């Protein structure tokens, strides 16, 4: 019985190898090649993306989100918004408030400074978001001076 089973299986295998059915395991077909190239492309893309992104942040990077306490302009005047870094840090975006509403600056040049005229009751505030290494710092704030030149109101915040 064992011999006839071997002859039957071996005969079927020989027929398949001659092209009388499905391709044999030793011969690649287009479907298996396309799957191999698809998986190869996925693996290459994943490896490329991982290497590219690994240079963006080191394992010591700390995300920093700095915002001043909410306030309103007590009178008509000028507000000066500012943001700066110390050490190994960068700022991805700054959001500051004016009469026209919140304004966003992506990847601002540093140190950042901007003057804006505001009317009484305008919300004042600045938010800076970025990354820093341990020991570095991100600072953001504003100085408000009313139209009469009275003593300025200042607010500031930092990651440390």
C-alpha atoms as a PDB file:
ATOM      1  CA  UNK A   1       0.000   0.000   0.000  1.00  0.00           C
ATOM      2  CA  UNK A   2       2.838   2.382   0.814  1.00  0.00           C
ATOM      3  CA  UNK A   3       4.440   1.822  -2.612  1.00  0.00           C
ATOM      4  CA  UNK A   4       1.224   2.523  -4.544  1.00  0.00           C
ATOM      5  CA  UNK A   5       0.675   5.738  -2.580  1.00  0.00           C
ATOM      6  CA  UNK A   6       4.208   6.851  -3.423  1.00  0.00           C
ATOM      7  CA  UNK A   7       3.735   6.057  -7.114  1.00  0.00           C
ATOM      8  CA  UNK A   8       0.400   7.905  -7.184  1.00  0.00           C
ATOM      9  CA  UNK A   9       1.792  11.025  -5.469  1.00  0.00           C
ATOM     10  CA  UNK A  10       5.003  10.952  -7.502  1.00  0.00           C
ATOM     11  CA  UNK A  11       3.031  10.597 -10.756  1.00  0.00           C
ATOM     12  CA  UNK A  12       0.802  13.538  -9.870  1.00  0.00           C
ATOM     13  CA  UNK A  13       3.840  15.595  -9.014  1.00  0.00           C
ATOM     14  CA  UNK A  14       5.477  14.783 -12.357  1.00  0.00           C
ATOM     15  CA  UNK A  15       2.298  15.778 -14.233  1.00  0.00           C
ATOM     16  CA  UNK A  16       2.158  19.086 -12.389  1.00  0.00           C
ATOM     17  CA  UNK A  17       5.801  19.791 -13.200  1.00  0.00           C
ATOM     18  CA  UNK A  18       5.142  19.209 -16.908  1.00  0.00           C
ATOM     19  CA  UNK A  19       2.546  21.986 -16.942  1.00  0.00           C
ATOM     20  CA  UNK A  20      -0.557  19.810 -16.891  1.00  0.00           C
ATOM     21  CA  UNK A  21      -1.994  21.609 -13.878  1.00  0.00           C
ATOM     22  CA  UNK A  22      -0.778  23.903 -11.187  1.00  0.00           C
ATOM     23  CA  UNK A  23       2.846  24.995 -11.246  1.00  0.00           C
ATOM     24  CA  UNK A  24       5.188  23.083  -8.994  1.00  0.00           C
ATOM     25  CA  UNK A  25       6.558  24.569  -5.825  1.00  0.00           C
ATOM     26  CA  UNK A  26       9.987  25.023  -7.418  1.00  0.00           C
ATOM     27  CA  UNK A  27       8.670  27.254 -10.186  1.00  0.00           C
ATOM     28  CA  UNK A  28       7.721  30.824  -9.205  1.00  0.00           C
ATOM     29  CA  UNK A  29       4.473  32.191 -10.583  1.00  0.00           C
ATOM     30  CA  UNK A  30       3.501  35.810 -11.215  1.00  0.00           C
ATOM     31  CA  UNK A  31       1.233  35.964  -8.185  1.00  0.00           C
ATOM     32  CA  UNK A  32       3.972  34.917  -5.770  1.00  0.00           C
ATOM     33  CA  UNK A  33       6.438  37.325  -7.402  1.00  0.00           C
ATOM     34  CA  UNK A  34       4.010  40.225  -7.093  1.00  0.00           C
ATOM     35  CA  UNK A  35       3.422  39.397  -3.429  1.00  0.00           C
ATOM     36  CA  UNK A  36       7.154  39.210  -2.823  1.00  0.00           C
ATOM     37  CA  UNK A  37       7.749  42.567  -4.499  1.00  0.00           C
ATOM     38  CA  UNK A  38       4.767  44.119  -2.642  1.00  0.00           C
ATOM     39  CA  UNK A  39       6.069  42.910   0.726  1.00  0.00           C
ATOM     40  CA  UNK A  40       9.584  43.954  -0.259  1.00  0.00           C
ATOM     41  CA  UNK A  41       8.369  47.437  -1.174  1.00  0.00           C
ATOM     42  CA  UNK A  42       6.449  47.712   2.116  1.00  0.00           C
ATOM     43  CA  UNK A  43       9.498  46.612   4.090  1.00  0.00           C
ATOM     44  CA  UNK A  44      11.742  49.054   2.209  1.00  0.00           C
ATOM     45  CA  UNK A  45       9.290  51.940   2.752  1.00  0.00           C
ATOM     46  CA  UNK A  46       8.929  51.126   6.455  1.00  0.00           C
ATOM     47  CA  UNK A  47      12.694  50.979   6.855  1.00  0.00           C
ATOM     48  CA  UNK A  48      13.164  54.261   4.941  1.00  0.00           C
ATOM     49  CA  UNK A  49      10.487  56.065   6.990  1.00  0.00           C
ATOM     50  CA  UNK A  50      11.934  54.758  10.248  1.00  0.00           C
ATOM     51  CA  UNK A  51      15.437  55.947   9.372  1.00  0.00           C
ATOM     52  CA  UNK A  52      14.157  59.326   8.161  1.00  0.00           C
ATOM     53  CA  UNK A  53      12.086  59.935  11.275  1.00  0.00           C
ATOM     54  CA  UNK A  54      14.759  58.739  13.669  1.00  0.00           C
ATOM     55  CA  UNK A  55      16.767  61.865  12.870  1.00  0.00           C
ATOM     56  CA  UNK A  56      13.859  64.146  13.800  1.00  0.00           C
ATOM     57  CA  UNK A  57      13.859  63.435  17.495  1.00  0.00           C
ATOM     58  CA  UNK A  58      16.233  61.782  19.823  1.00  0.00           C
ATOM     59  CA  UNK A  59      15.039  59.705  22.733  1.00  0.00           C
ATOM     60  CA  UNK A  60      15.714  62.669  25.062  1.00  0.00           C
ATOM     61  CA  UNK A  61      13.332  65.089  23.293  1.00  0.00           C
ATOM     62  CA  UNK A  62      10.643  66.570  25.513  1.00  0.00           C
ATOM     63  CA  UNK A  63       7.471  68.049  24.064  1.00  0.00           C
ATOM     64  CA  UNK A  64       6.797  71.550  25.350  1.00  0.00           C
ATOM     65  CA  UNK A  65       3.515  73.479  25.284  1.00  0.00           C
ATOM     66  CA  UNK A  66       3.859  76.985  26.749  1.00  0.00           C
ATOM     67  CA  UNK A  67       0.861  79.287  27.222  1.00  0.00           C
ATOM     68  CA  UNK A  68       0.275  82.487  29.130  1.00  0.00           C
ATOM     69  CA  UNK A  69      -2.688  82.879  31.455  1.00  0.00           C
ATOM     70  CA  UNK A  70      -5.817  84.269  29.745  1.00  0.00           C
ATOM     71  CA  UNK A  71      -6.155  88.045  30.004  1.00  0.00           C
ATOM     72  CA  UNK A  72      -7.885  90.946  28.267  1.00  0.00           C
ATOM     73  CA  UNK A  73      -6.475  94.260  27.156  1.00  0.00           C
ATOM     74  CA  UNK A  74      -7.554  96.748  29.855  1.00  0.00           C
ATOM     75  CA  UNK A  75      -7.541  99.618  27.331  1.00  0.00           C
ATOM     76  CA  UNK A  76      -6.620 100.422  23.738  1.00  0.00           C
ATOM     77  CA  UNK A  77      -2.902  99.895  23.231  1.00  0.00           C
ATOM     78  CA  UNK A  78      -0.135  97.791  21.764  1.00  0.00           C
ATOM     79  CA  UNK A  79       0.848  94.251  22.620  1.00  0.00           C
ATOM     80  CA  UNK A  80       4.275  92.855  21.862  1.00  0.00           C
ATOM     81  CA  UNK A  81       4.367  89.060  21.621  1.00  0.00           C
ATOM     82  CA  UNK A  82       7.702  87.263  21.967  1.00  0.00           C
ATOM     83  CA  UNK A  83       9.069  83.721  22.044  1.00  0.00           C
ATOM     84  CA  UNK A  84      12.594  82.390  22.339  1.00  0.00           C
ATOM     85  CA  UNK A  85      14.556  79.231  23.040  1.00  0.00           C
ATOM     86  CA  UNK A  86      17.663  78.423  25.015  1.00  0.00           C
ATOM     87  CA  UNK A  87      19.773  75.339  24.441  1.00  0.00           C
ATOM     88  CA  UNK A  88      18.799  72.578  22.035  1.00  0.00           C
ATOM     89  CA  UNK A  89      15.124  73.371  21.343  1.00  0.00           C
ATOM     90  CA  UNK A  90      12.834  74.396  18.499  1.00  0.00           C
ATOM     91  CA  UNK A  91       9.345  75.858  18.205  1.00  0.00           C
ATOM     92  CA  UNK A  92       6.922  74.225  15.777  1.00  0.00           C
ATOM     93  CA  UNK A  93       4.121  76.803  16.060  1.00  0.00           C
ATOM     94  CA  UNK A  94       3.040  79.959  17.821  1.00  0.00           C
ATOM     95  CA  UNK A  95      -0.551  81.086  18.276  1.00  0.00           C
ATOM     96  CA  UNK A  96      -1.147  84.651  19.436  1.00  0.00           C
ATOM     97  CA  UNK A  97      -4.330  86.701  19.846  1.00  0.00           C
ATOM     98  CA  UNK A  98      -5.244  90.005  18.156  1.00  0.00           C
ATOM     99  CA  UNK A  99      -8.404  91.975  17.384  1.00  0.00           C
ATOM    100  CA  UNK A 100      -8.784  89.729  14.299  1.00  0.00           C
ATOM    101  CA  UNK A 101      -8.739  86.584  16.459  1.00  0.00           C
ATOM    102  CA  UNK A 102      -6.103  83.891  16.923  1.00  0.00           C
ATOM    103  CA  UNK A 103      -3.190  84.009  14.470  1.00  0.00           C
ATOM    104  CA  UNK A 104      -0.876  81.057  13.831  1.00  0.00           C
ATOM    105  CA  UNK A 105       2.760  81.077  12.709  1.00  0.00           C
ATOM    106  CA  UNK A 106       4.278  77.713  11.813  1.00  0.00           C
ATOM    107  CA  UNK A 107       8.028  77.230  12.332  1.00  0.00           C
ATOM    108  CA  UNK A 108       8.638  80.888  13.238  1.00  0.00           C
ATOM    109  CA  UNK A 109      12.065  82.481  12.932  1.00  0.00           C
ATOM    110  CA  UNK A 110      13.596  82.803  16.395  1.00  0.00           C
ATOM    111  CA  UNK A 111      13.676  84.874  18.459  1.00  0.00           C
ATOM    112  CA  UNK A 112      10.056  85.693  17.579  1.00  0.00           C
ATOM    113  CA  UNK A 113       8.719  89.199  18.201  1.00  0.00           C
ATOM    114  CA  UNK A 114       5.579  90.872  16.875  1.00  0.00           C
ATOM    115  CA  UNK A 115       3.746  94.117  17.732  1.00  0.00           C
ATOM    116  CA  UNK A 116      -0.032  94.370  17.303  1.00  0.00           C
ATOM    117  CA  UNK A 117      -2.460  97.184  18.040  1.00  0.00           C
ATOM    118  CA  UNK A 118      -5.408  95.981  20.142  1.00  0.00           C
ATOM    119  CA  UNK A 119      -8.575  97.545  21.464  1.00  0.00           C
ATOM    120  CA  UNK A 120      -9.894  97.394  24.996  1.00  0.00           C
ATOM    121  CA  UNK A 121     -11.293  93.953  25.852  1.00  0.00           C
ATOM    122  CA  UNK A 122      -9.257  92.063  23.232  1.00  0.00           C
ATOM    123  CA  UNK A 123      -8.096  88.682  24.562  1.00  0.00           C
ATOM    124  CA  UNK A 124      -4.330  88.580  25.078  1.00  0.00           C
ATOM    125  CA  UNK A 125      -2.318  85.399  25.015  1.00  0.00           C
ATOM    126  CA  UNK A 126       0.387  83.408  23.297  1.00  0.00           C
ATOM    127  CA  UNK A 127       0.918  79.667  22.945  1.00  0.00           C
ATOM    128  CA  UNK A 128       4.189  78.137  21.749  1.00  0.00           C
ATOM    129  CA  UNK A 129       4.526  74.440  20.983  1.00  0.00           C
ATOM    130  CA  UNK A 130       7.796  72.659  20.283  1.00  0.00           C
ATOM    131  CA  UNK A 131      10.427  70.152  21.384  1.00  0.00           C
ATOM    132  CA  UNK A 132      13.505  70.490  23.540  1.00  0.00           C
ATOM    133  CA  UNK A 133      16.333  68.442  24.970  1.00  0.00           C
ATOM    134  CA  UNK A 134      16.735  68.149  28.710  1.00  0.00           C
ATOM    135  CA  UNK A 135      18.308  71.343  30.025  1.00  0.00           C
ATOM    136  CA  UNK A 136      16.917  73.502  27.193  1.00  0.00           C
ATOM    137  CA  UNK A 137      13.926  75.829  27.485  1.00  0.00           C
ATOM    138  CA  UNK A 138      11.160  77.515  25.507  1.00  0.00           C
ATOM    139  CA  UNK A 139       9.843  80.877  26.730  1.00  0.00           C
ATOM    140  CA  UNK A 140       6.837  82.807  25.384  1.00  0.00           C
ATOM    141  CA  UNK A 141       5.061  85.895  26.609  1.00  0.00           C
ATOM    142  CA  UNK A 142       3.729  89.348  25.866  1.00  0.00           C
ATOM    143  CA  UNK A 143       3.962  92.947  27.022  1.00  0.00           C
ATOM    144  CA  UNK A 144       0.915  95.206  26.815  1.00  0.00           C
ATOM    145  CA  UNK A 145       1.247  98.994  26.875  1.00  0.00           C
ATOM    146  CA  UNK A 146      -1.880 101.145  26.783  1.00  0.00           C
ATOM    147  CA  UNK A 147      -2.205 104.136  24.445  1.00  0.00           C
ATOM    148  CA  UNK A 148      -1.381 106.575  27.300  1.00  0.00           C
ATOM    149  CA  UNK A 149       1.950 104.829  27.978  1.00  0.00           C
ATOM    150  CA  UNK A 150       1.119 103.691  31.501  1.00  0.00           C
ATOM    151  CA  UNK A 151       3.249 100.981  33.096  1.00  0.00           C
ATOM    152  CA  UNK A 152       3.235  97.836  30.954  1.00  0.00           C
ATOM    153  CA  UNK A 153       1.429  94.587  31.790  1.00  0.00           C
ATOM    154  CA  UNK A 154       3.644  91.582  31.222  1.00  0.00           C
ATOM    155  CA  UNK A 155       2.933  87.868  31.129  1.00  0.00           C
ATOM    156  CA  UNK A 156       5.384  85.070  30.462  1.00  0.00           C
ATOM    157  CA  UNK A 157       5.575  81.291  30.664  1.00  0.00           C
ATOM    158  CA  UNK A 158       8.226  78.663  30.065  1.00  0.00           C
ATOM    159  CA  UNK A 159       8.706  74.920  29.983  1.00  0.00           C
ATOM    160  CA  UNK A 160      10.999  74.929  33.025  1.00  0.00           C
END
